């Protein structure tokens, strides 16, 4: 689901590039998705992403679980 949130955020950035705000929000959201360890860290940027960048991407970010954010162990 994390990958789907990233994809829809990028789609929102590409379609709304002419409004600058989706670009800024999208870059911040993608950075937070990469570094977040808990769902609580993503709540604020997910709501902002939902409003300004991508409706589906924001909903998917809000639906993420803590297990989705933890990187799998290296093999």
C-alpha atoms as a PDB file:
ATOM      1  CA  UNK A   1       0.000   0.000   0.000  1.00  0.00           C
ATOM      2  CA  UNK A   2       3.003   2.278   0.610  1.00  0.00           C
ATOM      3  CA  UNK A   3       4.026   1.940  -3.032  1.00  0.00           C
ATOM      4  CA  UNK A   4       0.502   2.726  -4.214  1.00  0.00           C
ATOM      5  CA  UNK A   5       0.465   5.877  -2.063  1.00  0.00           C
ATOM      6  CA  UNK A   6       3.757   6.946  -3.648  1.00  0.00           C
ATOM      7  CA  UNK A   7       2.458   6.290  -7.169  1.00  0.00           C
ATOM      8  CA  UNK A   8      -0.751   8.265  -6.681  1.00  0.00           C
ATOM      9  CA  UNK A   9       1.162  11.124  -5.059  1.00  0.00           C
ATOM     10  CA  UNK A  10       3.478  11.274  -8.075  1.00  0.00           C
ATOM     11  CA  UNK A  11       0.490  11.207 -10.433  1.00  0.00           C
ATOM     12  CA  UNK A  12      -1.050  14.088  -8.464  1.00  0.00           C
ATOM     13  CA  UNK A  13       2.212  16.011  -8.727  1.00  0.00           C
ATOM     14  CA  UNK A  14       2.441  15.467 -12.488  1.00  0.00           C
ATOM     15  CA  UNK A  15      -1.155  16.467 -13.176  1.00  0.00           C
ATOM     16  CA  UNK A  16      -1.040  19.506 -10.894  1.00  0.00           C
ATOM     17  CA  UNK A  17       2.460  20.724 -11.762  1.00  0.00           C
ATOM     18  CA  UNK A  18       1.182  24.085 -12.953  1.00  0.00           C
ATOM     19  CA  UNK A  19      -0.101  24.957  -9.453  1.00  0.00           C
ATOM     20  CA  UNK A  20       3.260  24.613  -7.584  1.00  0.00           C
ATOM     21  CA  UNK A  21       1.536  23.642  -4.281  1.00  0.00           C
ATOM     22  CA  UNK A  22       1.050  19.982  -5.346  1.00  0.00           C
ATOM     23  CA  UNK A  23       4.738  19.811  -6.236  1.00  0.00           C
ATOM     24  CA  UNK A  24       5.829  21.069  -2.824  1.00  0.00           C
ATOM     25  CA  UNK A  25       3.341  18.913  -0.908  1.00  0.00           C
ATOM     26  CA  UNK A  26       4.193  15.884  -3.042  1.00  0.00           C
ATOM     27  CA  UNK A  27       7.930  16.164  -2.422  1.00  0.00           C
ATOM     28  CA  UNK A  28       7.390  16.542   1.326  1.00  0.00           C
ATOM     29  CA  UNK A  29       4.971  13.582   1.371  1.00  0.00           C
ATOM     30  CA  UNK A  30       7.363  11.335  -0.542  1.00  0.00           C
ATOM     31  CA  UNK A  31      10.212  12.267   1.793  1.00  0.00           C
ATOM     32  CA  UNK A  32       8.061  11.554   4.869  1.00  0.00           C
ATOM     33  CA  UNK A  33       6.945   8.205   3.430  1.00  0.00           C
ATOM     34  CA  UNK A  34      10.582   7.224   3.080  1.00  0.00           C
ATOM     35  CA  UNK A  35      11.630   8.229   6.611  1.00  0.00           C
ATOM     36  CA  UNK A  36       8.510   7.621   8.735  1.00  0.00           C
ATOM     37  CA  UNK A  37       8.605   4.838  11.309  1.00  0.00           C
ATOM     38  CA  UNK A  38       5.063   5.178  12.707  1.00  0.00           C
ATOM     39  CA  UNK A  39       1.650   6.047  11.343  1.00  0.00           C
ATOM     40  CA  UNK A  40       1.421   9.088  13.638  1.00  0.00           C
ATOM     41  CA  UNK A  41       4.312  10.747  11.792  1.00  0.00           C
ATOM     42  CA  UNK A  42       2.328  10.628   8.536  1.00  0.00           C
ATOM     43  CA  UNK A  43      -1.074  11.872   9.693  1.00  0.00           C
ATOM     44  CA  UNK A  44      -0.535  15.595   9.100  1.00  0.00           C
ATOM     45  CA  UNK A  45       1.184  15.313   5.734  1.00  0.00           C
ATOM     46  CA  UNK A  46      -1.377  12.697   4.647  1.00  0.00           C
ATOM     47  CA  UNK A  47      -4.222  15.146   5.265  1.00  0.00           C
ATOM     48  CA  UNK A  48      -2.369  17.933   3.446  1.00  0.00           C
ATOM     49  CA  UNK A  49      -1.644  15.512   0.584  1.00  0.00           C
ATOM     50  CA  UNK A  50      -5.322  14.552   0.520  1.00  0.00           C
ATOM     51  CA  UNK A  51      -6.404  18.185   0.146  1.00  0.00           C
ATOM     52  CA  UNK A  52      -3.744  19.684  -2.113  1.00  0.00           C
ATOM     53  CA  UNK A  53      -2.093  16.927  -4.120  1.00  0.00           C
ATOM     54  CA  UNK A  54      -3.808  13.566  -4.506  1.00  0.00           C
ATOM     55  CA  UNK A  55      -7.082  12.377  -3.045  1.00  0.00           C
ATOM     56  CA  UNK A  56      -6.286   8.680  -3.447  1.00  0.00           C
ATOM     57  CA  UNK A  57      -2.667   9.083  -2.330  1.00  0.00           C
ATOM     58  CA  UNK A  58      -3.776  10.871   0.835  1.00  0.00           C
ATOM     59  CA  UNK A  59      -6.364   8.220   1.646  1.00  0.00           C
ATOM     60  CA  UNK A  60      -3.803   5.462   1.156  1.00  0.00           C
ATOM     61  CA  UNK A  61      -1.334   7.274   3.408  1.00  0.00           C
ATOM     62  CA  UNK A  62      -3.993   7.524   6.118  1.00  0.00           C
ATOM     63  CA  UNK A  63      -4.760   3.810   5.795  1.00  0.00           C
ATOM     64  CA  UNK A  64      -1.136   2.670   6.168  1.00  0.00           C
ATOM     65  CA  UNK A  65      -0.265   0.507   9.151  1.00  0.00           C
ATOM     66  CA  UNK A  66       2.919   0.681  11.207  1.00  0.00           C
ATOM     67  CA  UNK A  67       3.984  -2.684   9.757  1.00  0.00           C
ATOM     68  CA  UNK A  68       3.916  -1.182   6.248  1.00  0.00           C
ATOM     69  CA  UNK A  69       6.402   1.493   7.254  1.00  0.00           C
ATOM     70  CA  UNK A  70       9.048  -0.716   8.809  1.00  0.00           C
ATOM     71  CA  UNK A  71      11.615  -1.856   6.284  1.00  0.00           C
ATOM     72  CA  UNK A  72      11.851  -5.645   5.858  1.00  0.00           C
ATOM     73  CA  UNK A  73      15.046  -7.198   7.227  1.00  0.00           C
ATOM     74  CA  UNK A  74      17.899  -7.529   4.749  1.00  0.00           C
ATOM     75  CA  UNK A  75      18.655 -11.063   3.644  1.00  0.00           C
END
